C-alpha atoms as a PDB file:
ATOM      1  CA  PRO A   1       0.000   0.000   0.000  1.00  0.00           C
ATOM      2  CA  LEU A   2       1.021   3.559  -0.681  1.00  0.00           C
ATOM      3  CA  LEU A   3       1.957   5.599   2.375  1.00  0.00           C
ATOM      4  CA  GLY A   4       2.857   8.806   0.627  1.00  0.00           C
ATOM      5  CA  PRO A   5       3.335  10.401  -2.777  1.00  0.00           C
ATOM      6  CA  SER A   6       6.216   8.103  -3.718  1.00  0.00           C
ATOM      7  CA  TYR A   7       6.636   5.463  -1.026  1.00  0.00           C
ATOM      8  CA  THR A   8       5.272   1.932  -0.889  1.00  0.00           C
ATOM      9  CA  ALA A   9       5.620  -0.083   2.301  1.00  0.00           C
ATOM     10  CA  ASP A  10       7.169  -3.528   2.139  1.00  0.00           C
ATOM     11  CA  VAL A  11       4.914  -4.806   4.937  1.00  0.00           C
ATOM     12  CA  ILE A  12       2.300  -3.260   7.225  1.00  0.00           C
ATOM     13  CA  TYR A  13       1.455  -5.268  10.315  1.00  0.00           C
ATOM     14  CA  SER A  14      -1.469  -4.193  12.460  1.00  0.00           C
ATOM     15  CA  ILE A  15      -2.135  -4.876  16.150  1.00  0.00           C
ATOM     16  CA  PRO A  16      -5.841  -4.185  16.673  1.00  0.00           C
ATOM     17  CA  GLU A  17      -5.603  -4.273  20.471  1.00  0.00           C
ATOM     18  CA  PHE A  18      -3.094  -1.407  20.360  1.00  0.00           C
ATOM     19  CA  ASN A  19      -4.665   0.411  17.425  1.00  0.00           C
ATOM     20  CA  TYR A  20      -1.143   0.467  16.070  1.00  0.00           C
ATOM     21  CA  GLN A  21       0.631  -0.440  12.852  1.00  0.00           C
ATOM     22  CA  PHE A  22       4.188  -1.536  12.148  1.00  0.00           C
ATOM     23  CA  VAL A  23       5.579  -0.375   8.825  1.00  0.00           C
ATOM     24  CA  LEU A  24       8.424  -2.715   7.887  1.00  0.00           C
ATOM     25  CA  GLU A  25      11.130  -1.563   5.492  1.00  0.00           C
ATOM     26  CA  ALA A  26      13.211  -4.519   4.254  1.00  0.00           C
ATOM     27  CA  LYS A  27      16.782  -4.028   3.088  1.00  0.00           C
ATOM     28  CA  SER A  28      19.223  -6.532   1.656  1.00  0.00           C
ATOM     29  CA  SER A  29      21.983  -5.073   3.832  1.00  0.00           C
ATOM     30  CA  GLY A  30      22.096  -3.636   7.340  1.00  0.00           C
ATOM     31  CA  GLN A  31      25.032  -1.342   6.631  1.00  0.00           C
ATOM     32  CA  PRO A  32      24.710   2.329   7.696  1.00  0.00           C
ATOM     33  CA  ARG A  33      23.877   3.743   4.249  1.00  0.00           C
ATOM     34  CA  TYR A  34      20.896   1.409   3.892  1.00  0.00           C
ATOM     35  CA  ALA A  35      19.779   2.130   7.454  1.00  0.00           C
ATOM     36  CA  ARG A  36      19.907   5.883   6.879  1.00  0.00           C
ATOM     37  CA  ASP A  37      17.842   5.595   3.684  1.00  0.00           C
ATOM     38  CA  ALA A  38      15.257   3.491   5.507  1.00  0.00           C
ATOM     39  CA  ALA A  39      15.206   5.858   8.486  1.00  0.00           C
ATOM     40  CA  ASN A  40      14.518   8.869   6.263  1.00  0.00           C
ATOM     41  CA  GLU A  41      11.587   7.111   4.598  1.00  0.00           C
ATOM     42  CA  LEU A  42      10.126   5.751   7.835  1.00  0.00           C
ATOM     43  CA  LEU A  43      10.472   9.061   9.667  1.00  0.00           C
ATOM     44  CA  LEU A  44       8.195  10.702   7.104  1.00  0.00           C
ATOM     45  CA  ILE A  45       5.608   8.011   7.702  1.00  0.00           C
ATOM     46  CA  GLN A  46       5.761   8.385  11.484  1.00  0.00           C
ATOM     47  CA  LYS A  47       5.524  12.153  11.212  1.00  0.00           C
ATOM     48  CA  ASN A  48       2.305  12.022   9.183  1.00  0.00           C
ATOM     49  CA  ASN A  49       0.880   8.929  10.872  1.00  0.00           C
ATOM     50  CA  PRO A  50       1.480   8.837  14.659  1.00  0.00           C
ATOM     51  CA  GLU A  51      -0.219   5.457  14.925  1.00  0.00           C
ATOM     52  CA  ARG A  52       2.464   3.902  12.721  1.00  0.00           C
ATOM     53  CA  TYR A  53       5.909   2.759  13.856  1.00  0.00           C
ATOM     54  CA  GLY A  54       8.699   2.234  11.356  1.00  0.00           C
ATOM     55  CA  VAL A  55      10.919  -0.823  11.584  1.00  0.00           C
ATOM     56  CA  LEU A  56      14.027  -1.633   9.527  1.00  0.00           C
ATOM     57  CA  VAL A  57      14.437  -5.315   8.664  1.00  0.00           C
ATOM     58  CA  ALA A  58      17.660  -6.826   7.283  1.00  0.00           C
ATOM     59  CA  PRO A  59      19.681 -10.049   7.480  1.00  0.00           C
ATOM     60  CA  PHE A  60      21.987  -8.384  10.012  1.00  0.00           C
ATOM     61  CA  ILE A  61      21.995  -4.881  11.495  1.00  0.00           C
ATOM     62  CA  SER A  62      25.485  -3.530  12.166  1.00  0.00           C
ATOM     63  CA  LYS A  63      26.064  -1.604  15.389  1.00  0.00           C
ATOM     64  CA  GLU A  64      26.477   1.631  13.419  1.00  0.00           C
ATOM     65  CA  ALA A  65      23.156   1.030  11.642  1.00  0.00           C
ATOM     66  CA  ALA A  66      21.479   0.194  14.956  1.00  0.00           C
ATOM     67  CA  LYS A  67      22.637   3.549  16.344  1.00  0.00           C
ATOM     68  CA  ILE A  68      21.155   5.340  13.326  1.00  0.00           C
ATOM     69  CA  CYS A  69      17.797   3.648  13.954  1.00  0.00           C
ATOM     70  CA  GLU A  70      17.871   4.423  17.673  1.00  0.00           C
ATOM     71  CA  ASP A  71      18.705   8.095  17.068  1.00  0.00           C
ATOM     72  CA  ALA A  72      15.864   8.336  14.533  1.00  0.00           C
ATOM     73  CA  ASN A  73      13.432   6.665  16.951  1.00  0.00           C
ATOM     74  CA  ILE A  74      12.620   3.826  14.600  1.00  0.00           C
ATOM     75  CA  GLY A  75      12.819   0.132  15.362  1.00  0.00           C
ATOM     76  CA  TYR A  76      14.935  -2.568  13.816  1.00  0.00           C
ATOM     77  CA  LEU A  77      15.101  -6.325  13.713  1.00  0.00           C
ATOM     78  CA  ASP A  78      17.276  -8.729  11.804  1.00  0.00           C
ATOM     79  CA  LEU A  79      17.304 -12.377  10.883  1.00  0.00           C
ATOM     80  CA  SER A  80      20.288 -12.965  13.179  1.00  0.00           C
ATOM     81  CA  GLY A  81      18.242 -12.389  16.335  1.00  0.00           C
ATOM     82  CA  ASN A  82      18.887  -8.708  17.118  1.00  0.00           C
ATOM     83  CA  CYS A  83      16.054  -6.257  17.599  1.00  0.00           C
ATOM     84  CA  ARG A  84      15.016  -3.000  19.229  1.00  0.00           C
ATOM     85  CA  LEU A  85      11.379  -1.923  19.381  1.00  0.00           C
ATOM     86  CA  ALA A  86      10.503   1.137  21.449  1.00  0.00           C
ATOM     87  CA  PHE A  87       7.005   2.612  21.079  1.00  0.00           C
ATOM     88  CA  ARG A  88       4.441   3.884  23.538  1.00  0.00           C
ATOM     89  CA  ASN A  89       5.119   2.057  26.802  1.00  0.00           C
ATOM     90  CA  ILE A  90       6.715  -0.971  25.168  1.00  0.00           C
ATOM     91  CA  PHE A  91      10.457  -1.557  24.978  1.00  0.00           C
ATOM     92  CA  ILE A  92      12.018  -4.732  23.555  1.00  0.00           C
ATOM     93  CA  GLU A  93      15.739  -5.039  22.874  1.00  0.00           C
ATOM     94  CA  LYS A  94      18.037  -7.931  22.100  1.00  0.00           C
ATOM     95  CA  ILE A  95      21.604  -7.343  20.970  1.00  0.00           C
ATOM     96  CA  CYS A  96      25.025  -8.992  20.668  1.00  0.00           C
ATOM     97  CA  GLN A  97      23.859 -11.764  18.360  1.00  0.00           C
ATOM     98  CA  SER A  98      26.507 -12.543  15.739  1.00  0.00           C
ATOM     99  CA  ASN A  99      25.885 -12.184  12.028  1.00  0.00           C
ATOM    100  CA  LYS A 100      24.396 -15.455  10.768  1.00  0.00           C
ATOM    101  CA  PHE A 101      24.412 -14.138   7.226  1.00  0.00           C
ATOM    102  CA  THR A 102      27.987 -12.907   6.984  1.00  0.00           C
ATOM    103  CA  ALA A 103      28.661 -11.765   3.471  1.00  0.00           C
ATOM    104  CA  LYS A 104      31.847 -13.799   3.234  1.00  0.00           C
ATOM    105  CA  ARG A 105      32.142 -13.232  -0.482  1.00  0.00           C
ATOM    106  CA  GLU A 106      31.773  -9.480  -0.029  1.00  0.00           C
ATOM    107  CA  LEU A 107      34.321  -9.356   2.795  1.00  0.00           C
ATOM    108  CA  ALA A 108      36.678 -11.616   0.878  1.00  0.00           C
ATOM    109  CA  SER A 109      36.503  -9.222  -2.071  1.00  0.00           C
ATOM    110  CA  LEU A 110      36.922  -6.096   0.044  1.00  0.00           C
ATOM    111  CA  TYR A 111      39.945  -7.585   1.794  1.00  0.00           C
ATOM    112  CA  SER A 112      41.422  -9.472  -1.152  1.00  0.00           C
ATOM    113  CA  PRO A 113      45.120  -8.837  -1.920  1.00  0.00           C
ATOM    114  CA  LYS A 114      44.390  -6.411  -4.754  1.00  0.00           C
ATOM    115  CA  SER A 115      41.685  -4.560  -2.783  1.00  0.00           C
ATOM    116  CA  GLU A 116      44.065  -4.225   0.157  1.00  0.00           C
ATOM    117  CA  ARG A 117      46.378  -2.200  -2.078  1.00  0.00           C
ATOM    118  CA  ILE A 118      43.632   0.413  -2.235  1.00  0.00           C
ATOM    119  CA  LEU A 119      42.973   0.262   1.492  1.00  0.00           C
ATOM    120  CA  ARG A 120      46.666   0.804   2.278  1.00  0.00           C
ATOM    121  CA  VAL A 121      46.647   4.059   0.337  1.00  0.00           C
ATOM    122  CA  LEU A 122      43.369   5.263   1.854  1.00  0.00           C
ATOM    123  CA  VAL A 123      44.329   4.441   5.438  1.00  0.00           C
ATOM    124  CA  THR A 124      47.772   5.994   5.012  1.00  0.00           C
ATOM    125  CA  TYR A 125      46.302   9.219   3.616  1.00  0.00           C
ATOM    126  CA  PRO A 126      42.767   9.144   5.072  1.00  0.00           C
ATOM    127  CA  TYR A 127      41.793  12.769   4.563  1.00  0.00           C
ATOM    128  CA  GLN A 128      43.245  13.271   1.093  1.00  0.00           C
ATOM    129  CA  PRO A 129      40.666  13.456  -1.717  1.00  0.00           C
ATOM    130  CA  TRP A 130      41.198  11.020  -4.572  1.00  0.00           C
ATOM    131  CA  ARG A 131      40.006  10.748  -8.134  1.00  0.00           C
ATOM    132  CA  THR A 132      39.317   7.223  -9.337  1.00  0.00           C
ATOM    133  CA  VAL A 133      42.058   7.199 -11.989  1.00  0.00           C
ATOM    134  CA  GLU A 134      44.578   8.794  -9.652  1.00  0.00           C
ATOM    135  CA  LEU A 135      43.953   6.243  -6.905  1.00  0.00           C
ATOM    136  CA  ALA A 136      44.071   3.357  -9.385  1.00  0.00           C
ATOM    137  CA  GLN A 137      47.508   4.504 -10.520  1.00  0.00           C
ATOM    138  CA  LYS A 138      48.734   4.962  -6.949  1.00  0.00           C
ATOM    139  CA  ALA A 139      47.509   1.540  -5.804  1.00  0.00           C
ATOM    140  CA  LYS A 140      48.382  -0.159  -9.131  1.00  0.00           C
ATOM    141  CA  VAL A 141      44.927  -1.694  -9.573  1.00  0.00           C
ATOM    142  CA  SER A 142      42.119  -1.418 -12.117  1.00  0.00           C
ATOM    143  CA  ILE A 143      39.572   1.386 -12.195  1.00  0.00           C
ATOM    144  CA  GLY A 144      36.813  -1.211 -11.857  1.00  0.00           C
ATOM    145  CA  LEU A 145      38.259  -2.437  -8.564  1.00  0.00           C
ATOM    146  CA  ILE A 146      38.414   1.127  -7.261  1.00  0.00           C
ATOM    147  CA  SER A 147      34.693   1.499  -8.000  1.00  0.00           C
ATOM    148  CA  TYR A 148      33.877  -1.767  -6.205  1.00  0.00           C
ATOM    149  CA  VAL A 149      35.856  -0.906  -3.071  1.00  0.00           C
ATOM    150  CA  LYS A 150      34.439   2.617  -3.066  1.00  0.00           C
ATOM    151  CA  LYS A 151      30.875   1.251  -3.065  1.00  0.00           C
ATOM    152  CA  GLN A 152      31.641  -1.090  -0.152  1.00  0.00           C
ATOM    153  CA  LEU A 153      33.058   1.819   1.846  1.00  0.00           C
ATOM    154  CA  GLU A 154      30.107   4.039   0.906  1.00  0.00           C
ATOM    155  CA  ASP A 155      27.702   1.410   2.239  1.00  0.00           C
ATOM    156  CA  ARG A 156      29.538   1.600   5.573  1.00  0.00           C
ATOM    157  CA  GLU A 157      29.553   5.434   5.386  1.00  0.00           C
ATOM    158  CA  TRP A 158      33.323   5.470   5.762  1.00  0.00           C
ATOM    159  CA  ILE A 159      34.039   7.813   2.863  1.00  0.00           C
ATOM    160  CA  GLN A 160      32.804  11.211   1.795  1.00  0.00           C
ATOM    161  CA  THR A 161      32.635  12.720  -1.670  1.00  0.00           C
ATOM    162  CA  GLY A 162      33.331  16.338  -2.575  1.00  0.00           C
ATOM    163  CA  GLU A 163      34.276  18.467  -5.558  1.00  0.00           C
ATOM    164  CA  ASP A 164      37.900  17.279  -5.366  1.00  0.00           C
ATOM    165  CA  GLY A 165      37.028  13.576  -5.201  1.00  0.00           C
ATOM    166  CA  PHE A 166      36.353  11.123  -2.391  1.00  0.00           C
ATOM    167  CA  SER A 167      38.251  10.623   0.837  1.00  0.00           C
ATOM    168  CA  LEU A 168      38.220   8.307   3.823  1.00  0.00           C
ATOM    169  CA  LYS A 169      36.512   9.862   6.837  1.00  0.00           C
ATOM    170  CA  GLN A 170      36.629   6.977   9.309  1.00  0.00           C
ATOM    171  CA  PRO A 171      40.101   5.397   9.110  1.00  0.00           C
ATOM    172  CA  GLU A 172      39.716   3.926  12.595  1.00  0.00           C
ATOM    173  CA  ALA A 173      36.634   1.921  11.648  1.00  0.00           C
ATOM    174  CA  LEU A 174      38.203   0.667   8.419  1.00  0.00           C
ATOM    175  CA  LEU A 175      41.451  -0.378  10.106  1.00  0.00           C
ATOM    176  CA  GLU A 176      39.513  -2.164  12.858  1.00  0.00           C
ATOM    177  CA  GLU A 177      37.408  -4.217  10.432  1.00  0.00           C
ATOM    178  CA  TRP A 178      40.402  -4.845   8.187  1.00  0.00           C
ATOM    179  CA  SER A 179      42.450  -6.210  11.099  1.00  0.00           C
ATOM    180  CA  LYS A 180      39.616  -8.604  11.994  1.00  0.00           C
ATOM    181  CA  ASN A 181      39.699  -9.993   8.455  1.00  0.00           C
ATOM    182  CA  TYR A 182      43.487 -10.133   8.169  1.00  0.00           C
ATOM    183  CA  SER A 183      46.041 -12.715   9.222  1.00  0.00           C
ATOM    184  CA  TYR A 184      49.795 -12.692   8.768  1.00  0.00           C
ATOM    185  CA  LYS A 185      49.370 -16.410   8.045  1.00  0.00           C
ATOM    186  CA  LYS A 186      48.214 -15.467   4.559  1.00  0.00           C
ATOM    187  CA  ASN A 187      51.941 -15.292   3.814  1.00  0.00           C
ATOM    188  CA  GLU A 188      54.139 -18.325   3.242  1.00  0.00           C
ATOM    189  CA  ILE A 189      55.967 -18.593   6.578  1.00  0.00           C
ATOM    190  CA  THR A 190      59.256 -20.318   7.289  1.00  0.00           C
ATOM    191  CA  ASP A 191      60.259 -20.491  10.966  1.00  0.00           C
ATOM    192  CA  CYS A 192      63.974 -20.606  11.686  1.00  0.00           C
ATOM    193  CA  TYR A 193      66.524 -20.380  14.454  1.00  0.00           C
ATOM    194  CA  THR A 194      69.631 -18.223  14.563  1.00  0.00           C
ATOM    195  CA  LEU A 195      72.407 -17.523  17.057  1.00  0.00           C
ATOM    196  CA  SER A 196      72.715 -13.969  15.715  1.00  0.00           C
ATOM    197  CA  SER A 197      71.161 -10.999  17.490  1.00  0.00           C
ATOM    198  CA  PRO A 198      68.129  -9.386  15.798  1.00  0.00           C
ATOM    199  CA  VAL A 199      70.202  -6.419  14.597  1.00  0.00           C
ATOM    200  CA  ASP A 200      72.964  -8.646  13.227  1.00  0.00           C
ATOM    201  CA  LEU A 201      70.402 -10.795  11.402  1.00  0.00           C
ATOM    202  CA  GLU A 202      68.723  -7.712   9.947  1.00  0.00           C
ATOM    203  CA  ARG A 203      72.086  -6.482   8.709  1.00  0.00           C
ATOM    204  CA  THR A 204      72.787  -9.860   7.115  1.00  0.00           C
ATOM    205  CA  VAL A 205      69.417  -9.787   5.330  1.00  0.00           C
ATOM    206  CA  LYS A 206      70.000  -6.217   4.169  1.00  0.00           C
ATOM    207  CA  ASN A 207      73.432  -7.029   2.759  1.00  0.00           C
ATOM    208  CA  PHE A 208      72.131 -10.155   1.061  1.00  0.00           C
ATOM    209  CA  SER A 209      69.282  -8.202  -0.570  1.00  0.00           C
ATOM    210  CA  SER A 210      71.733  -5.526  -1.728  1.00  0.00           C
ATOM    211  CA  ALA A 211      73.901  -8.183  -3.351  1.00  0.00           C
ATOM    212  CA  ASN A 212      70.862  -9.850  -4.926  1.00  0.00           C
ATOM    213  CA  SER A 213      68.734  -7.011  -6.276  1.00  0.00           C
ATOM    214  CA  GLU A 214      65.941  -9.338  -7.414  1.00  0.00           C
ATOM    215  CA  ILE A 215      65.208 -10.239  -3.789  1.00  0.00           C
ATOM    216  CA  ASN A 216      63.259  -7.631  -1.822  1.00  0.00           C
ATOM    217  CA  TYR A 217      63.059  -7.483   1.945  1.00  0.00           C
ATOM    218  CA  ALA A 218      61.378  -5.434   4.665  1.00  0.00           C
ATOM    219  CA  LEU A 219      61.167  -5.825   8.419  1.00  0.00           C
ATOM    220  CA  THR A 220      57.704  -6.392   9.856  1.00  0.00           C
ATOM    221  CA  GLY A 221      56.011  -7.530  13.062  1.00  0.00           C
ATOM    222  CA  PHE A 222      58.155  -7.186  16.177  1.00  0.00           C
ATOM    223  CA  SER A 223      61.165  -6.239  14.058  1.00  0.00           C
ATOM    224  CA  ALA A 224      59.240  -3.239  12.696  1.00  0.00           C
ATOM    225  CA  ALA A 225      57.765  -2.413  16.104  1.00  0.00           C
ATOM    226  CA  SER A 226      61.249  -1.992  17.566  1.00  0.00           C
ATOM    227  CA  TYR A 227      61.635   1.033  15.259  1.00  0.00           C
ATOM    228  CA  TYR A 228      58.092   2.439  15.276  1.00  0.00           C
ATOM    229  CA  ALA A 229      57.477   1.903  18.990  1.00  0.00           C
ATOM    230  CA  PRO A 230      60.881   1.399  20.678  1.00  0.00           C
ATOM    231  CA  MET A 231      59.313   0.385  23.982  1.00  0.00           C
ATOM    232  CA  VAL A 232      58.203  -2.873  22.346  1.00  0.00           C
ATOM    233  CA  ARG A 233      60.533  -5.785  23.042  1.00  0.00           C
ATOM    234  CA  ASN A 234      61.605  -7.705  19.944  1.00  0.00           C
ATOM    235  CA  GLN A 235      60.378 -11.198  20.793  1.00  0.00           C
ATOM    236  CA  ARG A 236      60.942 -12.658  17.332  1.00  0.00           C
ATOM    237  CA  SER A 237      62.551 -11.341  14.190  1.00  0.00           C
ATOM    238  CA  MET A 238      59.939 -11.104  11.426  1.00  0.00           C
ATOM    239  CA  ILE A 239      61.108 -10.309   7.926  1.00  0.00           C
ATOM    240  CA  TYR A 240      59.424 -10.231   4.521  1.00  0.00           C
ATOM    241  CA  LEU A 241      61.520 -11.772   1.754  1.00  0.00           C
ATOM    242  CA  SER A 242      60.375 -12.100  -1.842  1.00  0.00           C
ATOM    243  CA  ASP A 243      62.277 -15.404  -2.083  1.00  0.00           C
ATOM    244  CA  ILE A 244      62.673 -17.999   0.675  1.00  0.00           C
ATOM    245  CA  SER A 245      64.455 -20.840  -1.061  1.00  0.00           C
ATOM    246  CA  ASP A 246      66.866 -23.262   0.590  1.00  0.00           C
ATOM    247  CA  PHE A 247      69.667 -21.282  -1.001  1.00  0.00           C
ATOM    248  CA  VAL A 248      68.486 -18.054   0.635  1.00  0.00           C
ATOM    249  CA  ILE A 249      68.061 -19.681   4.048  1.00  0.00           C
ATOM    250  CA  GLN A 250      71.568 -21.131   3.811  1.00  0.00           C
ATOM    251  CA  LYS A 251      73.094 -17.783   2.835  1.00  0.00           C
ATOM    252  CA  LEU A 252      71.432 -16.145   5.832  1.00  0.00           C
ATOM    253  CA  ASN A 253      72.880 -18.802   8.160  1.00  0.00           C
ATOM    254  CA  LEU A 254      69.440 -19.822   9.368  1.00  0.00           C
ATOM    255  CA  LYS A 255      68.194 -23.225  10.450  1.00  0.00           C
ATOM    256  CA  PRO A 256      64.566 -24.155   9.705  1.00  0.00           C
ATOM    257  CA  VAL A 257      62.879 -25.538  12.835  1.00  0.00           C
ATOM    258  CA  THR A 258      59.439 -26.740  13.870  1.00  0.00           C
ATOM    259  CA  SER A 259      59.770 -25.440  17.433  1.00  0.00           C
ATOM    260  CA  GLY A 260      61.902 -22.964  19.304  1.00  0.00           C
ATOM    261  CA  ALA A 261      62.086 -20.537  16.381  1.00  0.00           C
ATOM    262  CA  ASN A 262      63.273 -16.973  16.932  1.00  0.00           C
ATOM    263  CA  VAL A 263      62.979 -15.900  13.297  1.00  0.00           C
ATOM    264  CA  SER A 264      59.995 -15.922  10.943  1.00  0.00           C
ATOM    265  CA  LEU A 265      60.594 -15.347   7.247  1.00  0.00           C
ATOM    266  CA  LEU A 266      57.463 -14.332   5.353  1.00  0.00           C
ATOM    267  CA  LYS A 267      57.086 -14.725   1.613  1.00  0.00           C
ATOM    268  CA  PRO A 268      54.445 -12.115   0.722  1.00  0.00           C
ATOM    269  CA  TYR A 269      51.001 -13.202  -0.446  1.00  0.00           C
ATOM    270  CA  ASP A 270      51.064  -9.964  -2.474  1.00  0.00           C
ATOM    271  CA  ASN A 271      53.768  -7.410  -3.250  1.00  0.00           C
ATOM    272  CA  GLY A 272      51.470  -4.768  -1.796  1.00  0.00           C
ATOM    273  CA  VAL A 273      52.963  -5.507   1.635  1.00  0.00           C
ATOM    274  CA  PHE A 274      56.095  -3.639   0.503  1.00  0.00           C
ATOM    275  CA  TRP A 275      54.138  -0.492  -0.405  1.00  0.00           C
ATOM    276  CA  ASN A 276      55.275   2.606   1.476  1.00  0.00           C
ATOM    277  CA  SER A 277      58.127   0.779   3.204  1.00  0.00           C
ATOM    278  CA  GLN A 278      60.327   3.228   5.083  1.00  0.00           C
ATOM    279  CA  GLU A 279      63.976   3.424   6.023  1.00  0.00           C
ATOM    280  CA  ALA A 280      64.849   3.322   9.713  1.00  0.00           C
ATOM    281  CA  ASN A 281      68.453   3.235  10.913  1.00  0.00           C
ATOM    282  CA  GLY A 282      69.481   2.037   7.485  1.00  0.00           C
ATOM    283  CA  PHE A 283      66.952  -0.826   7.311  1.00  0.00           C
ATOM    284  CA  LEU A 284      63.802  -1.126   5.220  1.00  0.00           C
ATOM    285  CA  VAL A 285      60.699  -1.434   7.387  1.00  0.00           C
ATOM    286  CA  VAL A 286      57.138  -2.052   6.188  1.00  0.00           C
ATOM    287  CA  SER A 287      54.680   0.779   6.663  1.00  0.00           C
ATOM    288  CA  PRO A 288      53.182   1.257  10.145  1.00  0.00           C
ATOM    289  CA  ILE A 289      49.822   0.062   8.771  1.00  0.00           C
ATOM    290  CA  GLN A 290      51.319  -3.217   7.499  1.00  0.00           C
ATOM    291  CA  ALA A 291      53.265  -3.779  10.723  1.00  0.00           C
ATOM    292  CA  TYR A 292      50.079  -3.171  12.721  1.00  0.00           C
ATOM    293  CA  LEU A 293      48.137  -5.707  10.657  1.00  0.00           C
ATOM    294  CA  ASP A 294      50.853  -8.356  10.939  1.00  0.00           C
ATOM    295  CA  LEU A 295      50.933  -7.990  14.731  1.00  0.00           C
ATOM    296  CA  LYS A 296      47.289  -7.405  15.624  1.00  0.00           C
ATOM    297  CA  ASN A 297      46.315 -11.087  15.727  1.00  0.00           C
ATOM    298  CA  TYR A 298      49.763 -12.474  16.486  1.00  0.00           C
ATOM    299  CA  ARG A 299      50.060 -14.637  19.566  1.00  0.00           C
ATOM    300  CA  GLY A 300      52.457 -13.696  22.356  1.00  0.00           C
ATOM    301  CA  ARG A 301      51.838  -9.980  22.939  1.00  0.00           C
ATOM    302  CA  GLY A 302      51.370  -9.220  19.273  1.00  0.00           C
ATOM    303  CA  GLU A 303      48.203  -7.198  19.955  1.00  0.00           C
ATOM    304  CA  GLU A 304      50.046  -5.158  22.580  1.00  0.00           C
ATOM    305  CA  ALA A 305      52.810  -4.357  20.092  1.00  0.00           C
ATOM    306  CA  ALA A 306      50.225  -3.457  17.424  1.00  0.00           C
ATOM    307  CA  GLU A 307      48.495  -1.021  19.774  1.00  0.00           C
ATOM    308  CA  ALA A 308      51.841   0.593  20.574  1.00  0.00           C
ATOM    309  CA  ILE A 309      52.447   1.196  16.852  1.00  0.00           C
ATOM    310  CA  TYR A 310      48.911   2.565  16.540  1.00  0.00           C
ATOM    311  CA  LYS A 311      49.348   5.072  19.372  1.00  0.00           C
ATOM    312  CA  GLU A 312      52.949   6.051  18.716  1.00  0.00           C
ATOM    313  CA  ASN A 313      52.767   6.309  14.947  1.00  0.00           C
ATOM    314  CA  ILE A 314      49.500   5.758  13.081  1.00  0.00           C
ATOM    315  CA  GLN A 315      47.297   7.886  15.329  1.00  0.00           C
ATOM    316  CA  LYS A 316      49.803  10.729  15.341  1.00  0.00           C
ATOM    317  CA  GLN A 317      50.108  10.691  11.553  1.00  0.00           C
ATOM    318  CA  TRP A 318      46.334  10.812  11.180  1.00  0.00           C
ATOM    319  CA  SER A 319      46.112  13.705  13.618  1.00  0.00           C
ATOM    320  CA  THR A 320      48.775  15.657  11.722  1.00  0.00           C
ATOM    321  CA  GLN A 321      47.071  15.078   8.371  1.00  0.00           C
ATOM    322  CA  LYS A 322      43.666  16.031   9.697  1.00  0.00           C
END
């Protein structure tokens, strides 16, 4: 049924005893952009029809979308078991149910190796406006992929668009979700043991890379944290190497082990991990963003080291740019 000049309700459910009607607006996604669109439509209905209460329905309502509904004084419910209905003297709320309809394909695409190249640029320069072609060239990806990632970020309301292009407005939210969908184990990992100190090993790797220009390296994990957040103790050397053959391991005087390792060599799942690597005390170190991601879900105080990098480096860079 029509509820206004240009709006048709998905479902109207009446409760005769209350002389009340629920107007249900169904969305395929519970991301903030969809919730805001639904809220705007339902608010008009409630304004003109006090006996009607608008309710957003979706497979899963994100916490940001739930806040939009609450602020707009409309209800929500999802197919994962979350709901909030507040009208007249009735209040029903159930939260903290996990997403039973996780869009794994969507998340996999947003956080695929090529898509992550785009995210690295956006999170590193969160307030800089970008044109599609310019960002594609910077991230070395296709224009089509830029459009796809942009739409996913728009649905989450994490970017804003202006005359100069679009820019990331919520780097914290993006980095948080990215870290939850990232694992350093995506790389090919070879655990080794060495009698050398971390600095001596790093120097050996640097010299070997210099003598073999086709082999790239960059310190990551705890090795990177020792430069970005010096208070972090280097518990294990972690180094990206574009080649981890038996020959390379032998030249570095390392011994592969299944236990007791103090070195982890990582063969990158994508060359994007080297993007924006920086020089520190003569060594190449992955960007603070990459070091943060590699540590965030790492056992043995990895999260603590990641948070130190976030506070000592990433947060300060964002603040300066803003």
